[in-house]
Every structure is written in C-alpha cells, then in structure tokens.
Amino acid sequence: MKTHFSLAALLLAATPAFAANCESLVKLPLPAATITQAQTIAADQWPASTTGPKGAHIPFCRVAATLTPTSDSDIKIEVWMPVSGWNGNFQAVGNGGWSGSLNYTAMATAIAGGYATSSTDTGHTGGSASFALGHPEKLIDFAYRSEHEMTVQAKTILTAFYGKAVHLSYWNGCSAGGKQGLMEAQRYPEDFNGIVAGSPAANWTGRAAQAIWVAQAVHLDDASYIPPEKYPAIHRAVLDACDRLDGVEDGVLEDPSRCHFDPKVIECKAADSTDCLTAAQVEAARKIYAPSTNPRTGQKLYPGLAPGSEAGWRTWGGPQPLSIAGDYFRFVLFQNPNWDFRTLNFDQDIARAEQLEGSRLNATNPNLRPFFTHGGKLIQYHGWSDPQISPGNSVEYFASVRKQLGDVQEWYRLFMVPGMAHCGGGDGTSTFDMMAALQRWVEEQHPPDRIEASRVRNGKSDRTRPLCPYPQTAVYKGSGSTDDGANFTCR
C-alpha cells in the first residue's frame, strides 16, 4: 500500500498539464457564484498580506470568488493552486472566533506543502457577531454553509485548472476552525477524506455560557476579582500539588483530570499579597475550575478550565468577559447590543440557547457514522491548559461518539496535549504536525499510535514528548532524560 501511494505522489507532483491558464478562470461559470479575480502570483510577487513560511514562496494561481447561495449571502473565498509541485490533494483551512476574514497564514502553509488550498471569510467582514443582527441567513453561512459552499466551488475550480479532479481532500483548522471541521464531518460527510480538528469550539453555546459563568464569578463584587499578578502563585500551587502524579516533575501536568486541587491551600493567612488568595478570590478560583450548572436542577452544563491553565485566566477572568461569548448573547440569542452579562440566567437562557443552536452553531452531533462509512479519518487535538475552550469539552465529545458508535479508533483519535494553551503555546510540547499524521493515516493506512511533539523556546527545541491517543498518556520508562521523548511510551 505504501509503495502504491508513494508512486502516485511522485506522478502527481510533476508539473501538471493545465486544462486552463489561470487568468482565463475569471470566466469560469459557477452556480450562485462569481469569480472576481484570477491571477498568477510569481514566487517574488506574494502580497504582504499573504506571506507564507520563510523560503516557501512558490508561484500559484490565485482565484477569488463571491458565493451567494441565498439572497442575503456574500461569502468571499480564495483558492490557491500551485503552478508546479502540486501533490494532487486539496487542503481547506479553517478560521478563528467569529471569523470575518480569510486565513492567509494557514493557506500559505498548505500551499508550501504542495496542496491546493482555500479559505473563506464565512460570509461577512470583521471579527464581531454584529453581522447576525437581522440576518439569519448570514448566521447560517457562518455556522456551516460557507465552508461547505467553499469546498464544492473550490473543487470545481481545481478541476477546471488542472484538468482532473483532486485525489484526496483534507480539512485543517483550530478553534472555530476545529468546530468547522467537526461540522463538516457531521453535516457533509463526503466533503473530506481527512479532518484535523484542533481545540474545537464544538459546543459554541456551552463555551459562551462558561465564559460568562467565570465573568460573573470574578465580578461578583470588587473583592472577587483575581488580578493577573496572582496567577503565577496559583499555578505554582497546582504544580506543588499535582506535578508528581505522572511520575515526572517537569512543570507540566500530563493528565490534569487526575489533579484535585483546591485553591484554598493558598488562602491568605494574614495580609493580602500576590502570593495568596483572599477568601472571596478562593471562591472565584473554584468557579473557574468548576463546570457551570443549572441553578434549578443542578445539571452540569459545560466543563470548567483544567488545573494548569492559570497563566491564561485573563482570557475569561479579565476586566471584561470573553468578547466571543458576549457577542453570542448580545447579537444572536438576545439580539440586544446593550445586553449585560450579569443578567444571564443559567436555567431558562441556557435552555433556550441549546434548543436554538443544536441545529445551527453547535457541532456536537455524535453520529459520525456517515463520515466513517465514507472512509473519513478524524484527528482531534486539544491543549490541557487551554484557557479559552475547556479541554474537557473535547473529552466529552469524544466520549459521546464512542457511546453512540462503540470503538472508533479505526477512524477517530483524540490527542490531548499536556501544558498546551489555546491552539499552541504554553509550557508543554505544543509543536507537532497533525496534518502529516493524518496524511499517513489516510494515504498509507498507518494510524497514529503516537505523534512526536516538541517544546520550542527561543527558536530551539528543548524538550520532546510523544502525544498519545486518548485515554492513553505518555509514561516515563524510568531511565534517560525526561526531556527526550524516546524515553516515554504511550499506555
């Protein structure tokens, strides 16, 4: 099987015999769409807004189009196609937040890897959700339609340019882009052969509610606010309590779900200082770690942040609530730009949001059987120290799929990344190549039993460690440097 795909890759990497030159694509007829630009970009002519990895600029055909699947749709997309060295495959890339712009950085990385690629602005401009006021079709464009329409039209453009259909199609996204990937698998199972869904905001309403839960806790009164100067002390206390649980004292929690930390251990014994928490701040910190709950029924709504995430608490616990969350309630649920986060009711309001978004914004449907039946492969990853999207949500979604479909490791693997913040960064080994692992799985039938990762500081790797398919974790073999991934096994 490996020989077959290696030979195919060599043949496809040759300079293609184009069916059309780039500039002529501006006349390509597309249903409910208009191509607005088709231009060959030379290696030394990349616009400043589309700079890619250093030394990776290659000539490509750049096509821009506007898609109008409804009368209120205005979806912008771009499709980039290598003039030479095309690997025969297509990689669509995701966005972040409320989107509103194309992801040129991810497109540049994809095209440098030999892929034809595309991105969409999700149907509006700007990073706010204000576009949704009075525009229900635009909200659906953002929620899932723009990605699917982009994928269909991009494949048509690729076929017209290269004179052949794409060999395999991939999705690669993190955060909102991870949610987009899961949404594609759930709604349009035949769009992609492989999907990388990083740190997915799958439960869009749950994340929004949890961010307000934390905001209400730290702004209950002036005494409840935890200033950022205290975050390091809380993090040190977490490590003192739990760093040794995985057998290696390295400043990172391998599995924070095993850490049962109570911030009361650093409650101030005397005067307030940056090294301790007041009684009111202890209660606020407990709320940050805790899941939000329905005050009437006690039902758990959404998981809290994991121990180890303290360095990023400003994301949810800063002077203002997370804007992505506030925008959902202001512009989508209540359609009131002056909505006050302090008024959110975790009973009726959350029930209303879940009922509304279960078929729109949330990508939580566990029935991935059509995607798997199509032969699709899914790699999901999430940083355990993510301060913006609770890592427990990825664990819960993975569990929901297994509950419905049974053992899914043949098609779906989740990798939790110790110490990683949101889509990268943090104290863990947050540099890895999920796309390469997915490509080997799809094209060579080689499932990822471990993915090598490194921690890069000041441009140099100072630690390597394997990422293991959940629920496995990396376990130290007992000898050799704990900064060398070769000395760890997954079990």
Protein backbone atom coordinates (compact mmCIF):
# COMPACT_ATOMS: atom_id res chain seq x y z
CA MET A 1 0.00 0.00 0.00
CA LYS A 2 2.84 2.42 0.86
CA THR A 3 4.54 1.79 -2.47
CA HIS A 4 1.31 2.43 -4.35
CA PHE A 5 0.71 5.82 -2.72
CA SER A 6 4.37 6.86 -2.92
CA LEU A 7 4.38 6.22 -6.67
CA ALA A 8 1.10 8.11 -7.05
CA ALA A 9 2.53 11.05 -5.12
CA LEU A 10 5.59 11.18 -7.39
CA LEU A 11 3.42 11.19 -10.50
CA LEU A 12 1.09 13.85 -9.15
CA ALA A 13 3.96 16.10 -8.03
CA ALA A 14 5.08 16.62 -11.61
CA THR A 15 4.20 19.90 -13.29
CA PRO A 16 0.59 19.41 -14.42
CA ALA A 17 -0.66 19.84 -17.97
CA PHE A 18 -3.16 22.59 -17.23
CA ALA A 19 -6.64 22.47 -18.71
CA ALA A 20 -6.88 26.27 -18.47
CA ASN A 21 -4.49 29.08 -17.79
CA CYS A 22 -5.02 30.90 -14.54
CA GLU A 23 -6.30 34.20 -15.88
CA SER A 24 -8.96 32.51 -18.05
CA LEU A 25 -10.64 31.13 -14.91
CA VAL A 26 -12.26 34.52 -14.35
CA LYS A 27 -14.78 33.42 -16.99
CA LEU A 28 -15.49 30.04 -15.40
CA PRO A 29 -19.27 29.76 -14.80
CA LEU A 30 -20.21 28.69 -11.28
CA PRO A 31 -23.70 28.24 -9.84
CA ALA A 32 -24.65 31.02 -7.39
CA ALA A 33 -21.11 32.37 -7.52
CA THR A 34 -18.94 34.87 -9.38
CA ILE A 35 -15.18 34.68 -9.85
CA THR A 36 -13.84 38.19 -9.24
CA GLN A 37 -10.12 37.59 -9.71
CA ALA A 38 -7.87 35.02 -11.35
CA GLN A 39 -4.17 35.88 -11.33
CA THR A 40 -0.85 34.06 -11.45
CA ILE A 41 1.27 35.09 -8.46
CA ALA A 42 5.01 34.70 -9.04
CA ALA A 43 7.26 33.50 -6.25
CA ASP A 44 8.60 37.02 -5.73
CA GLN A 45 5.22 38.72 -6.01
CA TRP A 46 3.41 37.45 -2.93
CA PRO A 47 1.39 40.31 -1.39
CA ALA A 48 2.37 41.32 2.12
CA SER A 49 -0.94 40.00 3.45
CA THR A 50 -0.23 36.52 2.10
CA THR A 51 3.36 35.92 3.18
CA GLY A 52 3.98 32.30 3.97
CA PRO A 53 6.73 30.34 5.70
CA LYS A 54 10.21 31.74 5.11
CA GLY A 55 11.66 30.49 1.85
CA ALA A 56 8.43 28.73 0.93
CA HIS A 57 7.04 31.18 -1.60
CA ILE A 58 6.09 29.36 -4.77
CA PRO A 59 4.21 30.52 -7.86
CA PHE A 60 0.49 29.83 -7.68
CA CYS A 61 -2.80 30.65 -9.34
CA ARG A 62 -4.89 32.85 -7.06
CA VAL A 63 -8.65 32.79 -7.62
CA ALA A 64 -11.09 34.93 -5.64
CA ALA A 65 -14.85 34.43 -5.78
CA THR A 66 -18.06 35.62 -4.14
CA LEU A 67 -20.65 32.97 -3.32
CA THR A 68 -24.35 33.78 -3.00
CA PRO A 69 -26.27 30.62 -2.04
CA THR A 70 -29.05 32.86 -0.64
CA SER A 71 -30.19 36.40 -1.47
CA ASP A 72 -28.54 37.64 1.75
CA SER A 73 -25.28 35.73 1.31
CA ASP A 74 -21.98 37.43 0.49
CA ILE A 75 -19.35 34.75 1.04
CA LYS A 76 -15.81 35.57 -0.06
CA ILE A 77 -13.41 32.73 -0.81
CA GLU A 78 -9.96 32.34 -2.31
CA VAL A 79 -8.48 29.26 -3.94
CA TRP A 80 -4.71 28.94 -4.36
CA MET A 81 -3.29 26.35 -6.76
CA PRO A 82 0.43 25.59 -7.13
CA VAL A 83 1.68 26.14 -10.66
CA SER A 84 4.16 23.31 -10.12
CA GLY A 85 4.74 20.67 -7.47
CA TRP A 86 1.05 20.07 -6.76
CA ASN A 87 0.65 16.91 -4.70
CA GLY A 88 -2.77 16.23 -6.22
CA ASN A 89 -4.61 16.95 -2.97
CA PHE A 90 -6.78 19.74 -1.59
CA GLN A 91 -6.48 21.22 1.90
CA ALA A 92 -9.16 23.64 3.09
CA VAL A 93 -8.20 25.69 6.13
CA GLY A 94 -10.34 26.97 8.99
CA ASN A 95 -10.76 30.27 10.80
CA GLY A 96 -10.97 31.59 14.36
CA GLY A 97 -13.51 33.41 16.50
CA TRP A 98 -16.44 34.91 14.63
CA SER A 99 -14.19 34.76 11.54
CA GLY A 100 -14.84 37.60 9.07
CA SER A 101 -11.52 37.25 7.23
CA LEU A 102 -9.61 34.69 5.20
CA ASN A 103 -6.84 32.70 6.88
CA TYR A 104 -3.92 33.58 4.61
CA THR A 105 -1.31 32.27 7.05
CA ALA A 106 -2.78 28.76 7.01
CA MET A 107 -3.23 28.91 3.23
CA ALA A 108 0.43 29.79 2.83
CA THR A 109 1.47 26.83 4.98
CA ALA A 110 -0.77 24.49 2.99
CA ILE A 111 0.47 25.60 -0.40
CA ALA A 112 4.08 25.34 0.79
CA GLY A 113 3.31 21.68 1.48
CA GLY A 114 2.22 21.10 -2.10
CA TYR A 115 -1.52 21.33 -1.54
CA ALA A 116 -4.07 23.36 -3.43
CA THR A 117 -5.89 25.27 -0.71
CA SER A 118 -8.84 27.52 0.04
CA SER A 119 -10.25 29.72 2.77
CA THR A 120 -13.43 31.71 3.35
CA ASP A 121 -14.37 34.81 5.34
CA THR A 122 -17.50 32.84 6.42
CA GLY A 123 -19.82 35.39 4.80
CA HIS A 124 -19.02 38.72 6.45
CA THR A 125 -16.16 41.04 7.36
CA GLY A 126 -14.89 41.91 10.83
CA GLY A 127 -14.47 39.78 13.96
CA SER A 128 -17.71 40.71 15.72
CA ALA A 129 -21.02 38.84 15.64
CA SER A 130 -22.88 42.08 14.90
CA PHE A 131 -23.37 40.79 11.33
CA ALA A 132 -26.01 38.38 12.70
CA LEU A 133 -28.45 41.10 13.78
CA GLY A 134 -31.40 40.82 11.45
CA HIS A 135 -29.54 38.45 9.11
CA PRO A 136 -30.43 34.83 9.94
CA GLU A 137 -29.08 33.57 6.60
CA LYS A 138 -25.70 35.18 7.28
CA LEU A 139 -25.60 33.39 10.63
CA ILE A 140 -26.19 30.07 8.86
CA ASP A 141 -23.45 30.99 6.37
CA PHE A 142 -21.10 31.48 9.32
CA ALA A 143 -22.32 28.39 11.15
CA TYR A 144 -21.71 25.84 8.39
CA ARG A 145 -22.86 26.83 4.91
CA SER A 146 -19.87 28.94 3.88
CA GLU A 147 -17.37 26.13 4.50
CA HIS A 148 -19.38 23.61 2.51
CA GLU A 149 -20.10 26.00 -0.37
CA MET A 150 -16.42 26.97 -0.47
CA THR A 151 -15.42 23.31 -0.63
CA VAL A 152 -17.76 22.49 -3.50
CA GLN A 153 -16.80 25.54 -5.55
CA ALA A 154 -13.07 25.15 -4.84
CA LYS A 155 -13.11 21.58 -6.15
CA THR A 156 -14.81 22.78 -9.34
CA ILE A 157 -12.16 25.47 -9.81
CA LEU A 158 -9.36 22.98 -9.18
CA THR A 159 -10.76 20.57 -11.76
CA ALA A 160 -11.04 23.37 -14.32
CA PHE A 161 -7.45 24.48 -13.72
CA TYR A 162 -5.69 21.11 -13.54
CA GLY A 163 -7.97 19.16 -15.87
CA LYS A 164 -8.51 16.45 -13.27
CA ALA A 165 -10.37 16.07 -10.01
CA VAL A 166 -8.48 16.29 -6.72
CA HIS A 167 -7.12 13.00 -5.42
CA LEU A 168 -7.90 13.50 -1.71
CA SER A 169 -9.44 16.33 0.28
CA TYR A 170 -8.42 17.45 3.77
CA TRP A 171 -9.65 19.95 6.33
CA ASN A 172 -7.25 21.63 8.76
CA GLY A 173 -8.43 24.06 11.42
CA CYS A 174 -8.16 25.02 15.09
CA SER A 175 -10.55 26.76 17.50
CA ALA A 176 -13.52 27.89 15.39
CA GLY A 177 -11.68 26.10 12.58
CA GLY A 178 -11.76 22.91 14.65
CA LYS A 179 -15.51 23.33 15.09
CA GLN A 180 -15.83 23.86 11.33
CA GLY A 181 -14.04 20.56 10.77
CA LEU A 182 -16.38 18.68 13.09
CA MET A 183 -19.36 20.39 11.48
CA GLU A 184 -18.18 19.23 8.06
CA ALA A 185 -17.87 15.64 9.31
CA GLN A 186 -21.35 15.80 10.86
CA ARG A 187 -23.25 17.62 8.08
CA TYR A 188 -21.31 16.96 4.88
CA PRO A 189 -19.54 13.62 5.43
CA GLU A 190 -18.39 13.27 1.81
CA ASP A 191 -16.66 16.66 1.56
CA PHE A 192 -13.36 15.46 3.05
CA ASN A 193 -11.30 12.29 3.33
CA GLY A 194 -9.47 13.50 6.43
CA ILE A 195 -10.06 16.20 9.03
CA VAL A 196 -7.79 17.79 11.62
CA ALA A 197 -9.97 19.48 14.27
CA GLY A 198 -7.83 21.33 16.80
CA SER A 199 -9.15 22.73 20.09
CA PRO A 200 -12.65 22.80 18.59
CA ALA A 201 -15.27 25.25 19.87
CA ALA A 202 -17.77 22.49 19.15
CA ASN A 203 -20.23 23.45 21.88
CA TRP A 204 -20.42 27.11 20.87
CA THR A 205 -23.20 27.96 23.31
CA GLY A 206 -21.61 25.96 26.13
CA ARG A 207 -18.29 27.81 25.78
CA ALA A 208 -20.14 31.14 25.67
CA ALA A 209 -22.07 30.25 28.82
CA GLN A 210 -18.95 29.04 30.66
CA ALA A 211 -17.10 32.27 29.85
CA ILE A 212 -19.99 34.27 31.34
CA TRP A 213 -20.10 31.88 34.33
CA VAL A 214 -16.47 32.80 35.06
CA ALA A 215 -17.06 36.52 34.38
CA GLN A 216 -19.95 36.55 36.83
CA ALA A 217 -17.79 34.78 39.43
CA VAL A 218 -14.81 37.14 39.23
CA HIS A 219 -17.04 40.21 39.04
CA LEU A 220 -19.49 39.17 41.73
CA ASP A 221 -18.08 42.15 43.61
CA ASP A 222 -14.78 44.01 43.77
CA ALA A 223 -13.38 41.52 46.29
CA SER A 224 -13.89 38.55 43.93
CA TYR A 225 -11.67 39.79 41.11
CA ILE A 226 -8.36 37.90 40.82
CA PRO A 227 -5.64 40.22 39.45
CA PRO A 228 -3.23 38.64 36.93
CA GLU A 229 -0.34 39.20 39.34
CA LYS A 230 -1.74 36.32 41.39
CA TYR A 231 -1.91 33.78 38.54
CA PRO A 232 1.72 32.59 38.99
CA ALA A 233 1.11 31.81 42.66
CA ILE A 234 -1.97 29.73 41.84
CA HIS A 235 -0.06 27.89 39.10
CA ARG A 236 2.84 27.12 41.47
CA ALA A 237 0.40 25.73 44.00
CA VAL A 238 -1.16 23.49 41.33
CA LEU A 239 2.26 22.13 40.36
CA ASP A 240 3.19 21.60 44.01
CA ALA A 241 0.03 19.56 44.46
CA CYS A 242 -0.08 17.58 41.23
CA ASP A 243 3.11 17.72 39.13
CA ARG A 244 4.42 14.44 40.59
CA LEU A 245 1.26 12.47 39.85
CA ASP A 246 2.52 11.40 36.40
CA GLY A 247 5.88 10.23 37.74
CA VAL A 248 7.84 13.13 36.24
CA GLU A 249 8.32 16.52 37.88
CA ASP A 250 8.63 18.73 34.81
CA GLY A 251 6.32 21.72 35.30
CA VAL A 252 3.53 20.13 33.22
CA LEU A 253 0.51 18.03 34.19
CA GLU A 254 0.27 15.03 31.88
CA ASP A 255 -3.38 14.45 32.82
CA PRO A 256 -4.96 17.32 34.78
CA SER A 257 -8.17 15.33 35.28
CA ARG A 258 -6.25 13.46 38.00
CA CYS A 259 -5.44 16.71 39.80
CA HIS A 260 -7.94 17.54 42.54
CA PHE A 261 -6.65 20.96 43.53
CA ASP A 262 -8.41 23.28 45.96
CA PRO A 263 -7.23 26.91 45.76
CA LYS A 264 -8.00 27.26 49.46
CA VAL A 265 -4.48 25.91 50.14
CA ILE A 266 -3.11 29.37 49.28
CA GLU A 267 -5.76 31.38 51.10
CA CYS A 268 -4.16 34.36 52.81
CA LYS A 269 -3.31 33.71 56.44
CA ALA A 270 -2.55 37.37 57.12
CA ALA A 271 -2.35 40.42 54.86
CA ASP A 272 -3.33 40.17 51.21
CA SER A 273 -0.41 39.72 48.77
CA THR A 274 0.34 38.43 45.29
CA ASP A 275 1.31 35.06 46.82
CA CYS A 276 -2.10 34.26 48.27
CA LEU A 277 -5.84 34.50 47.60
CA THR A 278 -8.44 36.18 49.75
CA ALA A 279 -11.49 34.17 50.76
CA ALA A 280 -13.56 35.79 48.01
CA GLN A 281 -10.86 35.05 45.43
CA VAL A 282 -10.70 31.41 46.54
CA GLU A 283 -14.40 31.08 45.75
CA ALA A 284 -13.89 32.75 42.36
CA ALA A 285 -10.99 30.41 41.53
CA ARG A 286 -13.13 27.41 42.45
CA LYS A 287 -15.76 28.65 39.99
CA ILE A 288 -13.13 28.90 37.22
CA TYR A 289 -12.23 25.22 37.64
CA ALA A 290 -15.82 24.09 38.15
CA PRO A 291 -18.38 23.29 35.47
CA SER A 292 -21.27 25.69 35.08
CA THR A 293 -24.51 24.28 36.40
CA ASN A 294 -28.22 24.88 36.15
CA PRO A 295 -29.16 26.55 39.47
CA ARG A 296 -32.60 24.93 39.48
CA THR A 297 -31.73 21.33 38.60
CA GLY A 298 -28.03 21.16 39.41
CA GLN A 299 -27.39 19.77 35.92
CA LYS A 300 -23.84 20.22 34.67
CA LEU A 301 -23.75 22.49 31.61
CA TYR A 302 -20.13 22.83 30.46
CA PRO A 303 -16.74 21.84 31.92
CA GLY A 304 -14.52 24.36 33.64
CA LEU A 305 -10.87 25.06 32.94
CA ALA A 306 -8.30 22.43 33.88
CA PRO A 307 -5.61 22.80 36.55
CA GLY A 308 -2.51 24.11 34.80
CA SER A 309 -4.38 26.76 32.78
CA GLU A 310 -3.80 29.56 35.30
CA ALA A 311 -1.37 31.59 33.15
CA GLY A 312 -4.20 32.25 30.70
CA TRP A 313 -7.00 33.08 33.11
CA ARG A 314 -7.13 36.65 31.86
CA THR A 315 -8.95 35.25 28.78
CA TRP A 316 -12.12 34.52 30.78
CA GLY A 317 -11.33 36.27 34.06
CA GLY A 318 -10.16 39.67 32.82
CA PRO A 319 -11.87 43.05 33.26
CA GLN A 320 -14.41 42.14 30.55
CA PRO A 321 -15.95 38.79 29.56
CA LEU A 322 -14.57 36.96 26.55
CA SER A 323 -15.85 39.01 23.61
CA ILE A 324 -16.71 35.91 21.53
CA ALA A 325 -19.04 34.79 24.31
CA GLY A 326 -20.55 38.20 24.93
CA ASP A 327 -21.21 38.63 21.21
CA TYR A 328 -23.21 35.42 21.09
CA PHE A 329 -25.63 36.61 23.75
CA ARG A 330 -25.75 40.23 22.55
CA PHE A 331 -26.18 39.71 18.83
CA VAL A 332 -27.54 36.18 18.42
CA LEU A 333 -29.57 34.99 21.40
CA PHE A 334 -30.97 38.27 22.79
CA GLN A 335 -30.36 40.49 19.73
CA ASN A 336 -29.62 43.37 22.08
CA PRO A 337 -26.26 45.12 21.68
CA ASN A 338 -26.66 46.59 25.20
CA TRP A 339 -27.15 43.23 26.93
CA ASP A 340 -25.44 43.00 30.36
CA PHE A 341 -23.54 39.76 31.09
CA ARG A 342 -24.56 39.95 34.76
CA THR A 343 -28.16 39.19 33.79
CA LEU A 344 -27.56 35.79 32.17
CA ASN A 345 -29.85 33.15 33.65
CA PHE A 346 -28.23 29.70 33.66
CA ASP A 347 -31.60 27.99 33.63
CA GLN A 348 -34.04 29.46 31.08
CA ASP A 349 -31.49 31.38 28.98
CA ILE A 350 -29.14 28.43 28.52
CA ALA A 351 -32.01 26.05 27.73
CA ARG A 352 -33.20 28.47 25.07
CA ALA A 353 -29.69 28.76 23.59
CA GLU A 354 -29.21 24.98 23.46
CA GLN A 355 -32.59 24.48 21.80
CA LEU A 356 -31.82 27.16 19.21
CA GLU A 357 -28.22 26.21 18.41
CA GLY A 358 -28.46 22.44 18.49
CA SER A 359 -29.18 22.57 14.76
CA ARG A 360 -27.18 25.67 13.90
CA LEU A 361 -23.99 26.80 15.66
CA ASN A 362 -23.15 23.76 17.80
CA ALA A 363 -21.16 20.89 16.26
CA THR A 364 -21.97 18.31 18.93
CA ASN A 365 -23.81 15.61 16.96
CA PRO A 366 -22.07 12.34 17.94
CA ASN A 367 -23.28 10.41 14.90
CA LEU A 368 -20.17 10.39 12.72
CA ARG A 369 -21.11 7.06 11.14
CA PRO A 370 -21.73 8.55 7.64
CA PHE A 371 -18.26 10.17 7.71
CA PHE A 372 -16.60 6.95 8.84
CA THR A 373 -18.59 4.87 6.33
CA HIS A 374 -17.28 7.18 3.62
CA GLY A 375 -13.78 6.22 4.79
CA GLY A 376 -13.11 9.51 6.57
CA LYS A 377 -10.43 9.83 9.22
CA LEU A 378 -10.57 12.38 12.06
CA ILE A 379 -7.76 13.62 14.28
CA GLN A 380 -8.87 15.91 17.09
CA TYR A 381 -6.42 17.57 19.46
CA HIS A 382 -6.73 19.92 22.42
CA GLY A 383 -4.36 21.55 24.89
CA TRP A 384 -4.96 20.60 28.51
CA SER A 385 -4.06 24.18 29.55
CA ASP A 386 -6.40 25.86 27.08
CA PRO A 387 -7.88 28.94 28.81
CA GLN A 388 -10.42 29.76 26.09
CA ILE A 389 -12.16 26.47 25.21
CA SER A 390 -12.41 23.97 28.05
CA PRO A 391 -10.37 20.87 27.17
CA GLY A 392 -12.98 18.78 28.95
CA ASN A 393 -15.36 19.55 26.11
CA SER A 394 -13.17 17.61 23.67
CA VAL A 395 -13.03 14.69 26.09
CA GLU A 396 -16.82 14.78 26.45
CA TYR A 397 -17.45 14.91 22.70
CA PHE A 398 -15.07 12.00 22.08
CA ALA A 399 -16.88 10.03 24.78
CA SER A 400 -20.26 10.83 23.22
CA VAL A 401 -19.13 9.45 19.85
CA ARG A 402 -17.82 6.27 21.45
CA LYS A 403 -21.03 5.88 23.44
CA GLN A 404 -23.09 6.01 20.25
CA LEU A 405 -20.80 4.14 17.85
CA GLY A 406 -18.60 1.96 20.04
CA ASP A 407 -14.86 1.61 19.41
CA VAL A 408 -13.98 4.25 16.80
CA GLN A 409 -10.17 4.18 16.90
CA GLU A 410 -10.12 2.88 13.31
CA TRP A 411 -11.42 6.28 12.18
CA TYR A 412 -11.18 8.79 15.04
CA ARG A 413 -8.42 9.63 17.52
CA LEU A 414 -8.21 12.36 20.12
CA PHE A 415 -4.85 13.72 21.29
CA MET A 416 -4.78 15.78 24.48
CA VAL A 417 -1.66 17.94 24.66
CA PRO A 418 -0.26 18.41 28.18
CA GLY A 419 0.61 22.02 29.01
CA MET A 420 -0.57 23.46 25.70
CA ALA A 421 -2.66 26.63 25.72
CA HIS A 422 -5.21 27.57 23.04
CA CYS A 423 -4.09 26.06 19.70
CA GLY A 424 -0.43 26.39 20.76
CA GLY A 425 1.92 27.92 23.28
CA GLY A 426 2.11 27.12 26.96
CA ASP A 427 4.67 25.05 28.85
CA GLY A 428 4.09 21.76 27.03
CA THR A 429 5.28 20.21 23.78
CA SER A 430 2.97 22.20 21.53
CA THR A 431 4.86 21.90 18.22
CA PHE A 432 3.72 18.96 16.10
CA ASP A 433 2.44 18.07 12.63
CA MET A 434 -1.08 16.71 12.76
CA MET A 435 -1.54 17.06 9.00
CA ALA A 436 1.40 14.75 8.30
CA ALA A 437 -0.03 12.19 10.72
CA LEU A 438 -3.45 12.45 9.09
CA GLN A 439 -1.99 12.11 5.61
CA ARG A 440 -0.15 8.92 6.58
CA TRP A 441 -3.35 7.56 8.09
CA VAL A 442 -5.49 8.34 5.03
CA GLU A 443 -2.99 7.51 2.31
CA GLU A 444 -0.88 4.76 3.86
CA GLN A 445 -3.42 3.26 6.29
CA HIS A 446 -0.97 3.99 9.10
CA PRO A 447 -2.98 5.05 12.19
CA PRO A 448 -1.27 7.49 14.56
CA ASP A 449 -0.36 5.46 17.66
CA ARG A 450 1.80 8.36 18.86
CA ILE A 451 2.65 11.77 17.45
CA GLU A 452 6.04 13.26 18.16
CA ALA A 453 5.92 16.76 19.64
CA SER A 454 8.47 19.28 20.83
CA ARG A 455 8.62 22.36 23.01
CA VAL A 456 10.25 25.25 21.18
CA ARG A 457 11.69 28.17 23.11
CA ASN A 458 13.73 30.99 21.58
CA GLY A 459 13.64 29.15 18.27
CA LYS A 460 15.12 25.93 19.65
CA SER A 461 13.58 22.68 20.82
CA ASP A 462 14.38 21.97 24.47
CA ARG A 463 12.03 19.05 25.04
CA THR A 464 10.37 16.27 23.03
CA ARG A 465 7.50 14.11 24.14
CA PRO A 466 5.02 11.77 22.43
CA LEU A 467 1.36 12.77 22.21
CA CYS A 468 -0.79 9.72 22.85
CA PRO A 469 -4.26 8.80 21.63
CA TYR A 470 -6.71 9.46 24.45
CA PRO A 471 -7.16 7.97 27.01
CA GLN A 472 -3.52 6.86 26.84
CA THR A 473 -0.85 9.15 28.29
CA ALA A 474 2.92 9.41 27.91
CA VAL A 475 4.61 7.35 30.65
CA TYR A 476 8.28 7.67 31.57
CA LYS A 477 10.22 4.43 31.10
CA GLY A 478 12.32 5.15 34.19
CA SER A 479 15.70 6.00 32.71
CA GLY A 480 17.22 8.64 30.48
CA SER A 481 16.43 12.33 30.13
CA THR A 482 12.83 13.32 30.78
CA ASP A 483 13.26 15.93 28.03
CA ASP A 484 13.75 13.17 25.44
CA GLY A 485 10.55 11.72 24.03
CA ALA A 486 12.34 8.43 23.24
CA ASN A 487 12.24 7.70 26.96
CA PHE A 488 8.42 7.70 27.08
CA THR A 489 5.84 5.19 25.95
CA CYS A 490 2.09 5.54 25.40
CA ARG A 491 -0.11 3.49 27.68
